[in-house]
Amino acid sequence: MENFWTVAQQVLVLFLLIAVGYLCGKTGLLKGGAVTCLTDLVLYIATPCVIVQSFLRDYDPAMLRSLLFVFAAAVAIHAFAAGLAWLCLRGGAPDGRAVAR
């Protein structure tokens, strides 16, 4: 239940920030150039920082095993899909194969 309240608080903060941005745009407080500059700031600085911060965790062998298992499963699924595609597309006219690929 604690995780639910944490997410709910974060969603509330997000909506408040959206409301502030909307009001600043409607009142003319932020002009087009300022909006572009703020968008670039968030896109190129804030977002990468948040992504890196979200991956900072203590080492956990169980998490590493899970990561390796998921990686192996993804490789197996991709290999299966590639083999299935090869079986389905190996015959037929050359033009048709090029389009399907």
PDB file of N, CA and C in Angstrom:
ATOM      1  N   MET A   1       0.818  -1.187   0.000  1.00  0.00           N
ATOM      2  CA  MET A   1       0.000   0.000   0.000  1.00  0.00           C
ATOM      3  C   MET A   1       0.872   1.265   0.000  1.00  0.00           C
ATOM      4  N   GLU A   2       2.056   1.138   0.569  1.00  0.00           N
ATOM      5  CA  GLU A   2       2.975   2.285   0.603  1.00  0.00           C
ATOM      6  C   GLU A   2       3.403   2.685  -0.808  1.00  0.00           C
ATOM      7  N   ASN A   3       3.656   1.685  -1.668  1.00  0.00           N
ATOM      8  CA  ASN A   3       4.026   1.979  -3.049  1.00  0.00           C
ATOM      9  C   ASN A   3       2.908   2.707  -3.786  1.00  0.00           C
ATOM     10  N   PHE A   4       1.677   2.335  -3.500  1.00  0.00           N
ATOM     11  CA  PHE A   4       0.534   2.990  -4.128  1.00  0.00           C
ATOM     12  C   PHE A   4       0.515   4.469  -3.793  1.00  0.00           C
ATOM     13  N   TRP A   5       0.722   4.808  -2.526  1.00  0.00           N
ATOM     14  CA  TRP A   5       0.694   6.214  -2.116  1.00  0.00           C
ATOM     15  C   TRP A   5       1.871   6.987  -2.700  1.00  0.00           C
ATOM     16  N   THR A   6       3.011   6.333  -2.829  1.00  0.00           N
ATOM     17  CA  THR A   6       4.164   6.991  -3.438  1.00  0.00           C
ATOM     18  C   THR A   6       3.864   7.327  -4.893  1.00  0.00           C
ATOM     19  N   VAL A   7       3.312   6.385  -5.625  1.00  0.00           N
ATOM     20  CA  VAL A   7       2.969   6.625  -7.034  1.00  0.00           C
ATOM     21  C   VAL A   7       1.881   7.687  -7.138  1.00  0.00           C
ATOM     22  N   ALA A   8       0.891   7.623  -6.263  1.00  0.00           N
ATOM     23  CA  ALA A   8      -0.189   8.608  -6.286  1.00  0.00           C
ATOM     24  C   ALA A   8       0.349  10.018  -6.051  1.00  0.00           C
ATOM     25  N   GLN A   9       1.296  10.169  -5.129  1.00  0.00           N
ATOM     26  CA  GLN A   9       1.898  11.478  -4.872  1.00  0.00           C
ATOM     27  C   GLN A   9       2.673  11.965  -6.092  1.00  0.00           C
ATOM     28  N   GLN A  10       3.395  11.071  -6.738  1.00  0.00           N
ATOM     29  CA  GLN A  10       4.165  11.459  -7.919  1.00  0.00           C
ATOM     30  C   GLN A  10       3.251  11.872  -9.064  1.00  0.00           C
ATOM     31  N   VAL A  11       2.137  11.178  -9.233  1.00  0.00           N
ATOM     32  CA  VAL A  11       1.180  11.536 -10.275  1.00  0.00           C
ATOM     33  C   VAL A  11       0.559  12.894  -9.960  1.00  0.00           C
ATOM     34  N   LEU A  12       0.245  13.144  -8.700  1.00  0.00           N
ATOM     35  CA  LEU A  12      -0.306  14.435  -8.307  1.00  0.00           C
ATOM     36  C   LEU A  12       0.681  15.559  -8.589  1.00  0.00           C
ATOM     37  N   VAL A  13       1.945  15.358  -8.267  1.00  0.00           N
ATOM     38  CA  VAL A  13       2.968  16.363  -8.553  1.00  0.00           C
ATOM     39  C   VAL A  13       3.073  16.596 -10.060  1.00  0.00           C
ATOM     40  N   LEU A  14       3.015  15.532 -10.846  1.00  0.00           N
ATOM     41  CA  LEU A  14       3.075  15.667 -12.296  1.00  0.00           C
ATOM     42  C   LEU A  14       1.911  16.508 -12.822  1.00  0.00           C
ATOM     43  N   PHE A  15       0.693  16.251 -12.337  1.00  0.00           N
ATOM     44  CA  PHE A  15      -0.456  17.026 -12.781  1.00  0.00           C
ATOM     45  C   PHE A  15      -0.359  18.485 -12.348  1.00  0.00           C
ATOM     46  N   LEU A  16       0.193  18.731 -11.174  1.00  0.00           N
ATOM     47  CA  LEU A  16       0.386  20.113 -10.741  1.00  0.00           C
ATOM     48  C   LEU A  16       1.385  20.834 -11.647  1.00  0.00           C
ATOM     49  N   LEU A  17       2.452  20.147 -12.021  1.00  0.00           N
ATOM     50  CA  LEU A  17       3.429  20.750 -12.932  1.00  0.00           C
ATOM     51  C   LEU A  17       2.812  21.013 -14.308  1.00  0.00           C
ATOM     52  N   ILE A  18       1.998  20.094 -14.771  1.00  0.00           N
ATOM     53  CA  ILE A  18       1.310  20.293 -16.047  1.00  0.00           C
ATOM     54  C   ILE A  18       0.385  21.504 -15.958  1.00  0.00           C
ATOM     55  N   ALA A  19      -0.336  21.632 -14.849  1.00  0.00           N
ATOM     56  CA  ALA A  19      -1.250  22.757 -14.674  1.00  0.00           C
ATOM     57  C   ALA A  19      -0.490  24.078 -14.645  1.00  0.00           C
ATOM     58  N   VAL A  20       0.644  24.116 -13.966  1.00  0.00           N
ATOM     59  CA  VAL A  20       1.452  25.338 -13.920  1.00  0.00           C
ATOM     60  C   VAL A  20       1.939  25.691 -15.321  1.00  0.00           C
ATOM     61  N   GLY A  21       2.419  24.718 -16.065  1.00  0.00           N
ATOM     62  CA  GLY A  21       2.873  24.963 -17.429  1.00  0.00           C
ATOM     63  C   GLY A  21       1.750  25.448 -18.324  1.00  0.00           C
ATOM     64  N   TYR A  22       0.586  24.857 -18.185  1.00  0.00           N
ATOM     65  CA  TYR A  22      -0.574  25.268 -18.985  1.00  0.00           C
ATOM     66  C   TYR A  22      -0.953  26.713 -18.680  1.00  0.00           C
ATOM     67  N   LEU A  23      -1.002  27.042 -17.393  1.00  0.00           N
ATOM     68  CA  LEU A  23      -1.352  28.409 -17.007  1.00  0.00           C
ATOM     69  C   LEU A  23      -0.302  29.416 -17.472  1.00  0.00           C
ATOM     70  N   CYS A  24       0.970  29.052 -17.390  1.00  0.00           N
ATOM     71  CA  CYS A  24       2.022  29.956 -17.872  1.00  0.00           C
ATOM     72  C   CYS A  24       1.898  30.174 -19.378  1.00  0.00           C
ATOM     73  N   GLY A  25       1.531  29.154 -20.112  1.00  0.00           N
ATOM     74  CA  GLY A  25       1.356  29.299 -21.552  1.00  0.00           C
ATOM     75  C   GLY A  25       0.140  30.126 -21.903  1.00  0.00           C
ATOM     76  N   LYS A  26      -0.979  29.909 -21.195  1.00  0.00           N
ATOM     77  CA  LYS A  26      -2.210  30.634 -21.485  1.00  0.00           C
ATOM     78  C   LYS A  26      -2.117  32.112 -21.102  1.00  0.00           C
ATOM     79  N   THR A  27      -1.412  32.416 -20.021  1.00  0.00           N
ATOM     80  CA  THR A  27      -1.302  33.813 -19.588  1.00  0.00           C
ATOM     81  C   THR A  27      -0.238  34.575 -20.360  1.00  0.00           C
ATOM     82  N   GLY A  28       0.575  33.858 -21.146  1.00  0.00           N
ATOM     83  CA  GLY A  28       1.614  34.524 -21.926  1.00  0.00           C
ATOM     84  C   GLY A  28       2.892  34.752 -21.153  1.00  0.00           C
ATOM     85  N   LEU A  29       2.984  34.161 -19.971  1.00  0.00           N
ATOM     86  CA  LEU A  29       4.197  34.299 -19.161  1.00  0.00           C
ATOM     87  C   LEU A  29       5.393  33.665 -19.863  1.00  0.00           C
ATOM     88  N   LEU A  30       5.156  32.574 -20.549  1.00  0.00           N
ATOM     89  CA  LEU A  30       6.214  31.903 -21.316  1.00  0.00           C
ATOM     90  C   LEU A  30       5.934  32.076 -22.801  1.00  0.00           C
ATOM     91  N   LYS A  31       6.869  32.622 -23.511  1.00  0.00           N
ATOM     92  CA  LYS A  31       6.746  32.796 -24.954  1.00  0.00           C
ATOM     93  C   LYS A  31       7.299  31.552 -25.659  1.00  0.00           C
ATOM     94  N   GLY A  32       7.191  31.511 -26.979  1.00  0.00           N
ATOM     95  CA  GLY A  32       7.625  30.350 -27.763  1.00  0.00           C
ATOM     96  C   GLY A  32       9.081  29.987 -27.569  1.00  0.00           C
ATOM     97  N   GLY A  33       9.958  30.971 -27.520  1.00  0.00           N
ATOM     98  CA  GLY A  33      11.387  30.698 -27.336  1.00  0.00           C
ATOM     99  C   GLY A  33      11.689  30.115 -25.973  1.00  0.00           C
ATOM    100  N   ALA A  34      10.989  30.589 -24.953  1.00  0.00           N
ATOM    101  CA  ALA A  34      11.199  30.075 -23.600  1.00  0.00           C
ATOM    102  C   ALA A  34      10.724  28.630 -23.494  1.00  0.00           C
ATOM    103  N   VAL A  35       9.621  28.343 -24.137  1.00  0.00           N
ATOM    104  CA  VAL A  35       9.089  26.976 -24.115  1.00  0.00           C
ATOM    105  C   VAL A  35      10.069  26.025 -24.785  1.00  0.00           C
ATOM    106  N   THR A  36      10.634  26.434 -25.910  1.00  0.00           N
ATOM    107  CA  THR A  36      11.622  25.604 -26.608  1.00  0.00           C
ATOM    108  C   THR A  36      12.840  25.375 -25.746  1.00  0.00           C
ATOM    109  N   CYS A  37      13.299  26.413 -25.077  1.00  0.00           N
ATOM    110  CA  CYS A  37      14.472  26.303 -24.209  1.00  0.00           C
ATOM    111  C   CYS A  37      14.189  25.366 -23.029  1.00  0.00           C
ATOM    112  N   LEU A  38      13.028  25.497 -22.410  1.00  0.00           N
ATOM    113  CA  LEU A  38      12.674  24.621 -21.298  1.00  0.00           C
ATOM    114  C   LEU A  38      12.517  23.172 -21.754  1.00  0.00           C
ATOM    115  N   THR A  39      11.954  22.985 -22.933  1.00  0.00           N
ATOM    116  CA  THR A  39      11.807  21.641 -23.480  1.00  0.00           C
ATOM    117  C   THR A  39      13.171  21.002 -23.706  1.00  0.00           C
ATOM    118  N   ASP A  40      14.101  21.749 -24.264  1.00  0.00           N
ATOM    119  CA  ASP A  40      15.458  21.225 -24.472  1.00  0.00           C
ATOM    120  C   ASP A  40      16.126  20.895 -23.146  1.00  0.00           C
ATOM    121  N   LEU A  41      15.934  21.745 -22.143  1.00  0.00           N
ATOM    122  CA  LEU A  41      16.524  21.504 -20.827  1.00  0.00           C
ATOM    123  C   LEU A  41      16.019  20.196 -20.231  1.00  0.00           C
ATOM    124  N   VAL A  42      14.715  20.003 -20.292  1.00  0.00           N
ATOM    125  CA  VAL A  42      14.139  18.775 -19.744  1.00  0.00           C
ATOM    126  C   VAL A  42      14.564  17.564 -20.561  1.00  0.00           C
ATOM    127  N   LEU A  43      14.534  17.687 -21.886  1.00  0.00           N
ATOM    128  CA  LEU A  43      14.828  16.557 -22.758  1.00  0.00           C
ATOM    129  C   LEU A  43      16.287  16.117 -22.678  1.00  0.00           C
ATOM    130  N   TYR A  44      17.220  17.068 -22.667  1.00  0.00           N
ATOM    131  CA  TYR A  44      18.631  16.723 -22.765  1.00  0.00           C
ATOM    132  C   TYR A  44      19.362  16.688 -21.438  1.00  0.00           C
ATOM    133  N   ILE A  45      18.805  17.252 -20.374  1.00  0.00           N
ATOM    134  CA  ILE A  45      19.513  17.261 -19.094  1.00  0.00           C
ATOM    135  C   ILE A  45      18.734  16.522 -18.016  1.00  0.00           C
ATOM    136  N   ALA A  46      17.494  16.921 -17.781  1.00  0.00           N
ATOM    137  CA  ALA A  46      16.742  16.340 -16.672  1.00  0.00           C
ATOM    138  C   ALA A  46      16.393  14.867 -16.907  1.00  0.00           C
ATOM    139  N   THR A  47      15.906  14.548 -18.095  1.00  0.00           N
ATOM    140  CA  THR A  47      15.502  13.166 -18.359  1.00  0.00           C
ATOM    141  C   THR A  47      16.665  12.174 -18.256  1.00  0.00           C
ATOM    142  N   PRO A  48      17.833  12.426 -18.864  1.00  0.00           N
ATOM    143  CA  PRO A  48      18.938  11.484 -18.671  1.00  0.00           C
ATOM    144  C   PRO A  48      19.372  11.353 -17.209  1.00  0.00           C
ATOM    145  N   CYS A  49      19.334  12.445 -16.456  1.00  0.00           N
ATOM    146  CA  CYS A  49      19.692  12.369 -15.037  1.00  0.00           C
ATOM    147  C   CYS A  49      18.719  11.485 -14.267  1.00  0.00           C
ATOM    148  N   VAL A  50      17.439  11.599 -14.557  1.00  0.00           N
ATOM    149  CA  VAL A  50      16.435  10.779 -13.888  1.00  0.00           C
ATOM    150  C   VAL A  50      16.618   9.310 -14.258  1.00  0.00           C
ATOM    151  N   ILE A  51      16.928   9.035 -15.519  1.00  0.00           N
ATOM    152  CA  ILE A  51      17.127   7.646 -15.952  1.00  0.00           C
ATOM    153  C   ILE A  51      18.335   7.037 -15.253  1.00  0.00           C
ATOM    154  N   VAL A  52      19.444   7.757 -15.214  1.00  0.00           N
ATOM    155  CA  VAL A  52      20.646   7.243 -14.545  1.00  0.00           C
ATOM    156  C   VAL A  52      20.370   7.034 -13.060  1.00  0.00           C
ATOM    157  N   GLN A  53      19.688   7.979 -12.422  1.00  0.00           N
ATOM    158  CA  GLN A  53      19.389   7.871 -10.995  1.00  0.00           C
ATOM    159  C   GLN A  53      18.498   6.662 -10.708  1.00  0.00           C
ATOM    160  N   SER A  54      17.582   6.338 -11.613  1.00  0.00           N
ATOM    161  CA  SER A  54      16.689   5.209 -11.378  1.00  0.00           C
ATOM    162  C   SER A  54      17.417   3.874 -11.434  1.00  0.00           C
ATOM    163  N   PHE A  55      18.570   3.829 -12.103  1.00  0.00           N
ATOM    164  CA  PHE A  55      19.326   2.582 -12.186  1.00  0.00           C
ATOM    165  C   PHE A  55      20.340   2.426 -11.060  1.00  0.00           C
ATOM    166  N   LEU A  56      20.526   3.427 -10.225  1.00  0.00           N
ATOM    167  CA  LEU A  56      21.489   3.333  -9.132  1.00  0.00           C
ATOM    168  C   LEU A  56      20.903   2.481  -8.019  1.00  0.00           C
ATOM    169  N   ARG A  57      21.405   1.284  -7.893  1.00  0.00           N
ATOM    170  CA  ARG A  57      20.940   0.337  -6.872  1.00  0.00           C
ATOM    171  C   ARG A  57      22.137  -0.391  -6.290  1.00  0.00           C
ATOM    172  N   ASP A  58      21.935  -0.941  -5.109  1.00  0.00           N
ATOM    173  CA  ASP A  58      22.970  -1.780  -4.521  1.00  0.00           C
ATOM    174  C   ASP A  58      23.045  -3.096  -5.282  1.00  0.00           C
ATOM    175  N   TYR A  59      24.235  -3.701  -5.286  1.00  0.00           N
ATOM    176  CA  TYR A  59      24.421  -4.967  -5.984  1.00  0.00           C
ATOM    177  C   TYR A  59      23.597  -6.048  -5.306  1.00  0.00           C
ATOM    178  N   ASP A  60      22.871  -6.812  -6.106  1.00  0.00           N
ATOM    179  CA  ASP A  60      22.051  -7.909  -5.609  1.00  0.00           C
ATOM    180  C   ASP A  60      22.227  -9.093  -6.556  1.00  0.00           C
ATOM    181  N   PRO A  61      22.809 -10.194  -6.074  1.00  0.00           N
ATOM    182  CA  PRO A  61      23.025 -11.350  -6.961  1.00  0.00           C
ATOM    183  C   PRO A  61      21.723 -11.890  -7.568  1.00  0.00           C
ATOM    184  N   ALA A  62      20.638 -11.832  -6.845  1.00  0.00           N
ATOM    185  CA  ALA A  62      19.361 -12.322  -7.374  1.00  0.00           C
ATOM    186  C   ALA A  62      18.916 -11.471  -8.566  1.00  0.00           C
ATOM    187  N   MET A  63      19.147 -10.170  -8.484  1.00  0.00           N
ATOM    188  CA  MET A  63      18.771  -9.294  -9.590  1.00  0.00           C
ATOM    189  C   MET A  63      19.643  -9.576 -10.811  1.00  0.00           C
ATOM    190  N   LEU A  64      20.919  -9.855 -10.595  1.00  0.00           N
ATOM    191  CA  LEU A  64      21.801 -10.199 -11.711  1.00  0.00           C
ATOM    192  C   LEU A  64      21.356 -11.495 -12.381  1.00  0.00           C
ATOM    193  N   ARG A  65      20.981 -12.494 -11.581  1.00  0.00           N
ATOM    194  CA  ARG A  65      20.482 -13.751 -12.147  1.00  0.00           C
ATOM    195  C   ARG A  65      19.215 -13.510 -12.960  1.00  0.00           C
ATOM    196  N   SER A  66      18.323 -12.677 -12.448  1.00  0.00           N
ATOM    197  CA  SER A  66      17.098 -12.359 -13.176  1.00  0.00           C
ATOM    198  C   SER A  66      17.415 -11.651 -14.487  1.00  0.00           C
ATOM    199  N   LEU A  67      18.370 -10.728 -14.450  1.00  0.00           N
ATOM    200  CA  LEU A  67      18.776 -10.023 -15.657  1.00  0.00           C
ATOM    201  C   LEU A  67      19.331 -10.992 -16.695  1.00  0.00           C
ATOM    202  N   LEU A  68      20.184 -11.905 -16.277  1.00  0.00           N
ATOM    203  CA  LEU A  68      20.758 -12.889 -17.196  1.00  0.00           C
ATOM    204  C   LEU A  68      19.676 -13.815 -17.762  1.00  0.00           C
ATOM    205  N   PHE A  69      18.709 -14.202 -16.929  1.00  0.00           N
ATOM    206  CA  PHE A  69      17.615 -15.056 -17.394  1.00  0.00           C
ATOM    207  C   PHE A  69      16.781 -14.328 -18.441  1.00  0.00           C
ATOM    208  N   VAL A  70      16.439 -13.077 -18.181  1.00  0.00           N
ATOM    209  CA  VAL A  70      15.630 -12.311 -19.128  1.00  0.00           C
ATOM    210  C   VAL A  70      16.400 -12.094 -20.427  1.00  0.00           C
ATOM    211  N   PHE A  71      17.707 -11.831 -20.336  1.00  0.00           N
ATOM    212  CA  PHE A  71      18.526 -11.661 -21.529  1.00  0.00           C
ATOM    213  C   PHE A  71      18.535 -12.945 -22.359  1.00  0.00           C
ATOM    214  N   ALA A  72      18.728 -14.097 -21.701  1.00  0.00           N
ATOM    215  CA  ALA A  72      18.735 -15.371 -22.415  1.00  0.00           C
ATOM    216  C   ALA A  72      17.379 -15.657 -23.051  1.00  0.00           C
ATOM    217  N   ALA A  73      16.303 -15.341 -22.342  1.00  0.00           N
ATOM    218  CA  ALA A  73      14.962 -15.549 -22.896  1.00  0.00           C
ATOM    219  C   ALA A  73      14.739 -14.658 -24.113  1.00  0.00           C
ATOM    220  N   ALA A  74      15.197 -13.407 -24.055  1.00  0.00           N
ATOM    221  CA  ALA A  74      15.035 -12.497 -25.195  1.00  0.00           C
ATOM    222  C   ALA A  74      15.814 -12.985 -26.401  1.00  0.00           C
ATOM    223  N   VAL A  75      17.036 -13.477 -26.183  1.00  0.00           N
ATOM    224  CA  VAL A  75      17.837 -14.002 -27.289  1.00  0.00           C
ATOM    225  C   VAL A  75      17.149 -15.228 -27.892  1.00  0.00           C
ATOM    226  N   ALA A  76      16.622 -16.112 -27.040  1.00  0.00           N
ATOM    227  CA  ALA A  76      15.947 -17.312 -27.533  1.00  0.00           C
ATOM    228  C   ALA A  76      14.693 -16.945 -28.340  1.00  0.00           C
ATOM    229  N   ILE A  77      13.921 -15.991 -27.858  1.00  0.00           N
ATOM    230  CA  ILE A  77      12.705 -15.586 -28.565  1.00  0.00           C
ATOM    231  C   ILE A  77      13.049 -14.956 -29.912  1.00  0.00           C
ATOM    232  N   HIS A  78      14.089 -14.123 -29.943  1.00  0.00           N
ATOM    233  CA  HIS A  78      14.496 -13.524 -31.206  1.00  0.00           C
ATOM    234  C   HIS A  78      15.006 -14.583 -32.189  1.00  0.00           C
ATOM    235  N   ALA A  79      15.772 -15.551 -31.698  1.00  0.00           N
ATOM    236  CA  ALA A  79      16.264 -16.617 -32.567  1.00  0.00           C
ATOM    237  C   ALA A  79      15.096 -17.435 -33.118  1.00  0.00           C
ATOM    238  N   PHE A  80      14.121 -17.739 -32.270  1.00  0.00           N
ATOM    239  CA  PHE A  80      12.950 -18.482 -32.716  1.00  0.00           C
ATOM    240  C   PHE A  80      12.186 -17.692 -33.778  1.00  0.00           C
ATOM    241  N   ALA A  81      11.975 -16.404 -33.543  1.00  0.00           N
ATOM    242  CA  ALA A  81      11.243 -15.567 -34.505  1.00  0.00           C
ATOM    243  C   ALA A  81      12.003 -15.462 -35.824  1.00  0.00           C
ATOM    244  N   ALA A  82      13.328 -15.341 -35.763  1.00  0.00           N
ATOM    245  CA  ALA A  82      14.118 -15.266 -36.994  1.00  0.00           C
ATOM    246  C   ALA A  82      14.036 -16.584 -37.758  1.00  0.00           C
ATOM    247  N   GLY A  83      14.099 -17.714 -37.050  1.00  0.00           N
ATOM    248  CA  GLY A  83      13.970 -19.014 -37.706  1.00  0.00           C
ATOM    249  C   GLY A  83      12.596 -19.212 -38.318  1.00  0.00           C
ATOM    250  N   LEU A  84      11.572 -18.798 -37.614  1.00  0.00           N
ATOM    251  CA  LEU A  84      10.211 -18.899 -38.134  1.00  0.00           C
ATOM    252  C   LEU A  84      10.034 -18.011 -39.370  1.00  0.00           C
ATOM    253  N   ALA A  85      10.582 -16.819 -39.334  1.00  0.00           N
ATOM    254  CA  ALA A  85      10.498 -15.919 -40.494  1.00  0.00           C
ATOM    255  C   ALA A  85      11.251 -16.520 -41.677  1.00  0.00           C
ATOM    256  N   TRP A  86      12.396 -17.112 -41.419  1.00  0.00           N
ATOM    257  CA  TRP A  86      13.169 -17.729 -42.505  1.00  0.00           C
ATOM    258  C   TRP A  86      12.377 -18.866 -43.138  1.00  0.00           C
ATOM    259  N   LEU A  87      11.727 -19.692 -42.297  1.00  0.00           N
ATOM    260  CA  LEU A  87      10.922 -20.792 -42.826  1.00  0.00           C
ATOM    261  C   LEU A  87       9.743 -20.280 -43.651  1.00  0.00           C
ATOM    262  N   CYS A  88       9.128 -19.229 -43.208  1.00  0.00           N
ATOM    263  CA  CYS A  88       7.954 -18.699 -43.906  1.00  0.00           C
ATOM    264  C   CYS A  88       8.321 -17.962 -45.190  1.00  0.00           C
ATOM    265  N   LEU A  89       9.508 -17.377 -45.247  1.00  0.00           N
ATOM    266  CA  LEU A  89       9.864 -16.515 -46.371  1.00  0.00           C
ATOM    267  C   LEU A  89      10.874 -17.143 -47.337  1.00  0.00           C
ATOM    268  N   ARG A  90      11.245 -18.387 -47.139  1.00  0.00           N
ATOM    269  CA  ARG A  90      12.305 -18.957 -47.982  1.00  0.00           C
ATOM    270  C   ARG A  90      11.846 -19.284 -49.387  1.00  0.00           C
ATOM    271  N   GLY A  91      10.575 -19.502 -49.606  1.00  0.00           N
ATOM    272  CA  GLY A  91      10.081 -19.789 -50.949  1.00  0.00           C
ATOM    273  C   GLY A  91       9.419 -18.553 -51.538  1.00  0.00           C
ATOM    274  N   GLY A  92       8.989 -18.698 -52.755  1.00  0.00           N
ATOM    275  CA  GLY A  92       8.261 -17.603 -53.382  1.00  0.00           C
ATOM    276  C   GLY A  92       9.141 -16.785 -54.304  1.00  0.00           C
ATOM    277  N   ALA A  93       8.517 -15.805 -54.914  1.00  0.00           N
ATOM    278  CA  ALA A  93       9.220 -14.946 -55.873  1.00  0.00           C
ATOM    279  C   ALA A  93      10.203 -14.025 -55.145  1.00  0.00           C
ATOM    280  N   PRO A  94      11.313 -13.719 -55.806  1.00  0.00           N
ATOM    281  CA  PRO A  94      12.302 -12.830 -55.170  1.00  0.00           C
ATOM    282  C   PRO A  94      11.737 -11.454 -54.808  1.00  0.00           C
ATOM    283  N   ASP A  95      10.845 -10.920 -55.655  1.00  0.00           N
ATOM    284  CA  ASP A  95      10.247  -9.623 -55.326  1.00  0.00           C
ATOM    285  C   ASP A  95       9.413  -9.700 -54.064  1.00  0.00           C
ATOM    286  N   GLY A  96       8.689 -10.760 -53.892  1.00  0.00           N
ATOM    287  CA  GLY A  96       7.849 -10.938 -52.698  1.00  0.00           C
ATOM    288  C   GLY A  96       8.676 -11.066 -51.441  1.00  0.00           C
ATOM    289  N   ARG A  97       9.807 -11.767 -51.533  1.00  0.00           N
ATOM    290  CA  ARG A  97      10.685 -11.909 -50.369  1.00  0.00           C
ATOM    291  C   ARG A  97      11.276 -10.568 -49.956  1.00  0.00           C
ATOM    292  N   ALA A  98      11.639  -9.742 -50.932  1.00  0.00           N
ATOM    293  CA  ALA A  98      12.229  -8.454 -50.606  1.00  0.00           C
ATOM    294  C   ALA A  98      11.221  -7.578 -49.863  1.00  0.00           C
ATOM    295  N   VAL A  99       9.968  -7.619 -50.272  1.00  0.00           N
ATOM    296  CA  VAL A  99       8.936  -6.824 -49.618  1.00  0.00           C
ATOM    297  C   VAL A  99       8.698  -7.351 -48.215  1.00  0.00           C
ATOM    298  N   ALA A 100       8.641  -8.673 -48.050  1.00  0.00           N
ATOM    299  CA  ALA A 100       8.371  -9.277 -46.743  1.00  0.00           C
ATOM    300  C   ALA A 100       9.519  -9.007 -45.764  1.00  0.00           C
ATOM    301  N   ARG A 101      10.736  -8.985 -46.274  1.00  0.00           N
ATOM    302  CA  ARG A 101      11.877  -8.705 -45.399  1.00  0.00           C
ATOM    303  C   ARG A 101      11.848  -7.275 -44.944  1.00  0.00           C
TER     304      ARG A 101
END
